[in-house]
Amino acid sequence: MKQSKKSFRHESLQDAETIQALLKSIARGFARGELVFSDDEDEIIMQPEGLMNLKVTSNQEENRHRVNIRITWQTEHNNKKKNKSLVIK
């Protein structure tokens, strides 16, 4: 059975102190094994587990500075799919 795609997106202006607090909340979520993202419109709950892929990029172009942090992982359910044998007759 295919799992439906779920997503959450939030964009807002924040000061450095608030962003630091949000990053700490994400770190605590990883520590307890559950990340909850929500705002007035939506919510998503994720359970990070196993090895995770971390990608950090940064760049500066004139007066625009950017830092991207991407963390991805696959759930055990998805890994089971990949381990199935293919038989063609």
N, C-alpha and C. Protein backbone atom coordinates (compact mmCIF):
# COMPACT_ATOMS: atom_id res chain seq x y z
N MET A 1 0.84 -1.18 0.00
CA MET A 1 0.00 0.00 0.00
C MET A 1 0.89 1.24 0.00
N LYS A 2 0.63 2.13 -0.91
CA LYS A 2 1.41 3.35 -1.02
C LYS A 2 0.97 4.37 0.02
N GLN A 3 1.96 4.94 0.73
CA GLN A 3 1.67 5.96 1.73
C GLN A 3 1.45 7.29 1.01
N SER A 4 0.39 8.00 1.42
CA SER A 4 0.11 9.29 0.78
C SER A 4 1.17 10.31 1.17
N LYS A 5 1.40 11.25 0.28
CA LYS A 5 2.39 12.29 0.53
C LYS A 5 1.81 13.32 1.48
N LYS A 6 2.57 13.65 2.50
CA LYS A 6 2.18 14.68 3.45
C LYS A 6 3.27 15.71 3.49
N SER A 7 2.91 16.97 3.57
CA SER A 7 3.92 18.01 3.62
C SER A 7 3.46 19.17 4.50
N PHE A 8 4.43 19.93 4.93
CA PHE A 8 4.19 21.11 5.75
C PHE A 8 5.13 22.18 5.28
N ARG A 9 4.65 23.38 5.16
CA ARG A 9 5.49 24.50 4.74
C ARG A 9 5.09 25.74 5.53
N HIS A 10 6.09 26.44 6.02
CA HIS A 10 5.86 27.68 6.76
C HIS A 10 6.96 28.66 6.37
N GLU A 11 6.58 29.89 6.13
CA GLU A 11 7.56 30.92 5.82
C GLU A 11 7.17 32.19 6.55
N SER A 12 8.14 32.79 7.25
CA SER A 12 7.87 34.03 7.98
C SER A 12 9.19 34.74 8.27
N LEU A 13 9.10 35.98 8.66
CA LEU A 13 10.27 36.75 9.08
C LEU A 13 10.46 36.56 10.58
N GLN A 14 11.67 36.21 10.99
CA GLN A 14 11.98 35.98 12.40
C GLN A 14 13.33 36.62 12.71
N ASP A 15 13.55 36.96 13.97
CA ASP A 15 14.87 37.45 14.37
C ASP A 15 15.77 36.26 14.71
N ALA A 16 17.07 36.54 14.88
CA ALA A 16 18.05 35.47 15.12
C ALA A 16 17.74 34.70 16.40
N GLU A 17 17.27 35.36 17.42
CA GLU A 17 16.96 34.69 18.69
C GLU A 17 15.82 33.68 18.51
N THR A 18 14.79 34.05 17.79
CA THR A 18 13.66 33.15 17.55
C THR A 18 14.10 31.96 16.69
N ILE A 19 14.91 32.20 15.68
CA ILE A 19 15.40 31.11 14.84
C ILE A 19 16.25 30.15 15.67
N GLN A 20 17.06 30.68 16.58
CA GLN A 20 17.85 29.83 17.46
C GLN A 20 16.94 28.95 18.32
N ALA A 21 15.87 29.50 18.84
CA ALA A 21 14.93 28.73 19.66
C ALA A 21 14.25 27.63 18.82
N LEU A 22 13.91 27.95 17.58
CA LEU A 22 13.29 26.96 16.70
C LEU A 22 14.26 25.82 16.39
N LEU A 23 15.52 26.15 16.13
CA LEU A 23 16.52 25.12 15.87
C LEU A 23 16.74 24.23 17.10
N LYS A 24 16.69 24.82 18.29
CA LYS A 24 16.81 24.03 19.51
C LYS A 24 15.61 23.09 19.66
N SER A 25 14.42 23.56 19.29
CA SER A 25 13.23 22.71 19.34
C SER A 25 13.37 21.53 18.38
N ILE A 26 13.91 21.77 17.21
CA ILE A 26 14.14 20.69 16.26
C ILE A 26 15.14 19.68 16.84
N ALA A 27 16.20 20.17 17.46
CA ALA A 27 17.20 19.28 18.08
C ALA A 27 16.55 18.44 19.18
N ARG A 28 15.70 19.05 19.99
CA ARG A 28 15.00 18.29 21.05
C ARG A 28 14.08 17.24 20.43
N GLY A 29 13.45 17.57 19.31
CA GLY A 29 12.59 16.61 18.62
C GLY A 29 13.37 15.40 18.14
N PHE A 30 14.55 15.63 17.58
CA PHE A 30 15.40 14.51 17.17
C PHE A 30 15.78 13.67 18.39
N ALA A 31 16.08 14.31 19.51
CA ALA A 31 16.49 13.60 20.71
C ALA A 31 15.37 12.69 21.24
N ARG A 32 14.13 13.15 21.16
CA ARG A 32 13.03 12.34 21.68
C ARG A 32 12.40 11.44 20.61
N GLY A 33 12.84 11.58 19.35
CA GLY A 33 12.35 10.71 18.28
C GLY A 33 11.04 11.13 17.66
N GLU A 34 10.66 12.39 17.85
CA GLU A 34 9.41 12.86 17.24
C GLU A 34 9.53 14.35 16.94
N LEU A 35 9.29 14.71 15.69
CA LEU A 35 9.27 16.11 15.27
C LEU A 35 7.84 16.49 14.95
N VAL A 36 7.36 17.57 15.54
CA VAL A 36 6.01 18.06 15.27
C VAL A 36 6.14 19.47 14.71
N PHE A 37 5.66 19.65 13.50
CA PHE A 37 5.65 20.97 12.86
C PHE A 37 4.19 21.39 12.71
N SER A 38 3.85 22.59 13.17
CA SER A 38 2.47 23.03 13.04
C SER A 38 2.41 24.55 13.01
N ASP A 39 1.33 25.04 12.44
CA ASP A 39 0.99 26.46 12.49
C ASP A 39 -0.53 26.53 12.52
N ASP A 40 -1.10 27.69 12.25
CA ASP A 40 -2.55 27.85 12.32
C ASP A 40 -3.29 27.02 11.27
N GLU A 41 -2.59 26.61 10.21
CA GLU A 41 -3.26 25.94 9.10
C GLU A 41 -2.98 24.45 8.98
N ASP A 42 -1.86 23.96 9.47
CA ASP A 42 -1.47 22.59 9.17
C ASP A 42 -0.59 22.02 10.27
N GLU A 43 -0.42 20.70 10.25
CA GLU A 43 0.46 20.01 11.19
C GLU A 43 0.98 18.73 10.55
N ILE A 44 2.23 18.40 10.84
CA ILE A 44 2.81 17.14 10.41
C ILE A 44 3.67 16.60 11.55
N ILE A 45 3.59 15.29 11.77
CA ILE A 45 4.38 14.63 12.81
C ILE A 45 5.28 13.62 12.13
N MET A 46 6.57 13.66 12.47
CA MET A 46 7.55 12.76 11.86
C MET A 46 8.32 12.05 12.96
N GLN A 47 8.72 10.80 12.69
CA GLN A 47 9.51 10.03 13.63
C GLN A 47 10.85 9.70 12.98
N PRO A 48 11.87 10.52 13.22
CA PRO A 48 13.19 10.23 12.65
C PRO A 48 13.80 8.99 13.28
N GLU A 49 14.43 8.16 12.43
CA GLU A 49 15.02 6.92 12.95
C GLU A 49 16.17 6.49 12.05
N GLY A 50 17.06 5.72 12.61
CA GLY A 50 18.16 5.15 11.85
C GLY A 50 19.13 6.21 11.35
N LEU A 51 19.90 5.81 10.35
CA LEU A 51 20.85 6.75 9.75
C LEU A 51 20.12 7.77 8.90
N MET A 52 20.60 8.99 8.93
CA MET A 52 19.97 10.09 8.20
C MET A 52 20.99 10.78 7.32
N ASN A 53 20.53 11.29 6.21
CA ASN A 53 21.38 12.02 5.29
C ASN A 53 21.31 13.50 5.67
N LEU A 54 22.46 14.12 5.89
CA LEU A 54 22.53 15.54 6.24
C LEU A 54 23.22 16.29 5.11
N LYS A 55 22.57 17.35 4.64
CA LYS A 55 23.15 18.19 3.60
C LYS A 55 23.08 19.64 4.08
N VAL A 56 24.24 20.29 4.15
CA VAL A 56 24.31 21.70 4.57
C VAL A 56 24.93 22.48 3.42
N THR A 57 24.26 23.54 3.00
CA THR A 57 24.80 24.41 1.97
C THR A 57 24.65 25.86 2.43
N SER A 58 25.56 26.70 1.98
CA SER A 58 25.45 28.13 2.26
C SER A 58 26.03 28.91 1.09
N ASN A 59 25.50 30.10 0.88
CA ASN A 59 26.05 30.95 -0.17
C ASN A 59 25.76 32.41 0.13
N GLN A 60 26.57 33.25 -0.51
CA GLN A 60 26.42 34.70 -0.40
C GLN A 60 26.42 35.27 -1.81
N GLU A 61 25.41 36.04 -2.11
CA GLU A 61 25.34 36.75 -3.39
C GLU A 61 24.97 38.20 -3.08
N GLU A 62 25.94 39.08 -3.25
CA GLU A 62 25.76 40.50 -2.94
C GLU A 62 25.21 40.65 -1.52
N ASN A 63 23.98 41.14 -1.36
CA ASN A 63 23.45 41.36 -0.01
C ASN A 63 22.53 40.23 0.45
N ARG A 64 22.44 39.15 -0.31
CA ARG A 64 21.58 38.02 0.06
C ARG A 64 22.43 36.85 0.54
N HIS A 65 22.17 36.40 1.75
CA HIS A 65 22.91 35.29 2.36
C HIS A 65 21.91 34.16 2.62
N ARG A 66 22.34 32.92 2.40
CA ARG A 66 21.43 31.79 2.55
C ARG A 66 22.13 30.61 3.20
N VAL A 67 21.43 29.95 4.12
CA VAL A 67 21.87 28.70 4.73
C VAL A 67 20.73 27.70 4.57
N ASN A 68 21.03 26.55 4.00
CA ASN A 68 20.04 25.48 3.87
C ASN A 68 20.52 24.27 4.64
N ILE A 69 19.63 23.69 5.42
CA ILE A 69 19.92 22.45 6.14
C ILE A 69 18.85 21.45 5.72
N ARG A 70 19.28 20.33 5.15
CA ARG A 70 18.34 19.30 4.72
C ARG A 70 18.69 17.99 5.41
N ILE A 71 17.71 17.40 6.08
CA ILE A 71 17.90 16.12 6.75
C ILE A 71 16.84 15.17 6.20
N THR A 72 17.28 14.05 5.67
CA THR A 72 16.34 13.08 5.12
C THR A 72 16.62 11.70 5.70
N TRP A 73 15.58 10.89 5.78
CA TRP A 73 15.71 9.50 6.22
C TRP A 73 14.57 8.71 5.62
N GLN A 74 14.72 7.41 5.65
CA GLN A 74 13.66 6.53 5.18
C GLN A 74 13.15 5.73 6.36
N THR A 75 11.85 5.55 6.39
CA THR A 75 11.26 4.76 7.47
C THR A 75 11.46 3.28 7.18
N GLU A 76 11.34 2.49 8.20
CA GLU A 76 11.51 1.04 8.06
C GLU A 76 10.54 0.50 7.02
N HIS A 77 9.33 1.03 7.00
CA HIS A 77 8.32 0.59 6.03
C HIS A 77 8.83 0.74 4.60
N ASN A 78 9.44 1.87 4.29
CA ASN A 78 9.98 2.10 2.95
C ASN A 78 11.17 1.21 2.66
N ASN A 79 12.00 0.92 3.67
CA ASN A 79 13.15 0.06 3.47
C ASN A 79 12.72 -1.36 3.14
N LYS A 80 11.63 -1.82 3.73
CA LYS A 80 11.14 -3.16 3.44
C LYS A 80 10.77 -3.29 1.98
N LYS A 81 10.21 -2.26 1.39
CA LYS A 81 9.86 -2.29 -0.03
C LYS A 81 11.09 -2.50 -0.89
N LYS A 82 12.18 -1.83 -0.55
CA LYS A 82 13.39 -1.91 -1.36
C LYS A 82 14.04 -3.28 -1.29
N ASN A 83 13.82 -4.02 -0.20
CA ASN A 83 14.46 -5.31 -0.03
C ASN A 83 13.70 -6.46 -0.68
N LYS A 84 12.55 -6.19 -1.29
CA LYS A 84 11.78 -7.24 -1.95
C LYS A 84 12.51 -7.71 -3.19
N SER A 85 12.44 -9.00 -3.42
CA SER A 85 13.07 -9.58 -4.61
C SER A 85 12.14 -9.46 -5.80
N LEU A 86 12.72 -9.24 -6.96
CA LEU A 86 11.97 -9.18 -8.20
C LEU A 86 12.13 -10.51 -8.92
N VAL A 87 11.03 -11.09 -9.32
CA VAL A 87 11.06 -12.33 -10.08
C VAL A 87 10.33 -12.10 -11.40
N ILE A 88 11.00 -12.41 -12.48
CA ILE A 88 10.40 -12.29 -13.81
C ILE A 88 10.48 -13.64 -14.47
N LYS A 89 9.35 -14.15 -14.97
CA LYS A 89 9.33 -15.47 -15.62
C LYS A 89 8.89 -15.33 -17.06
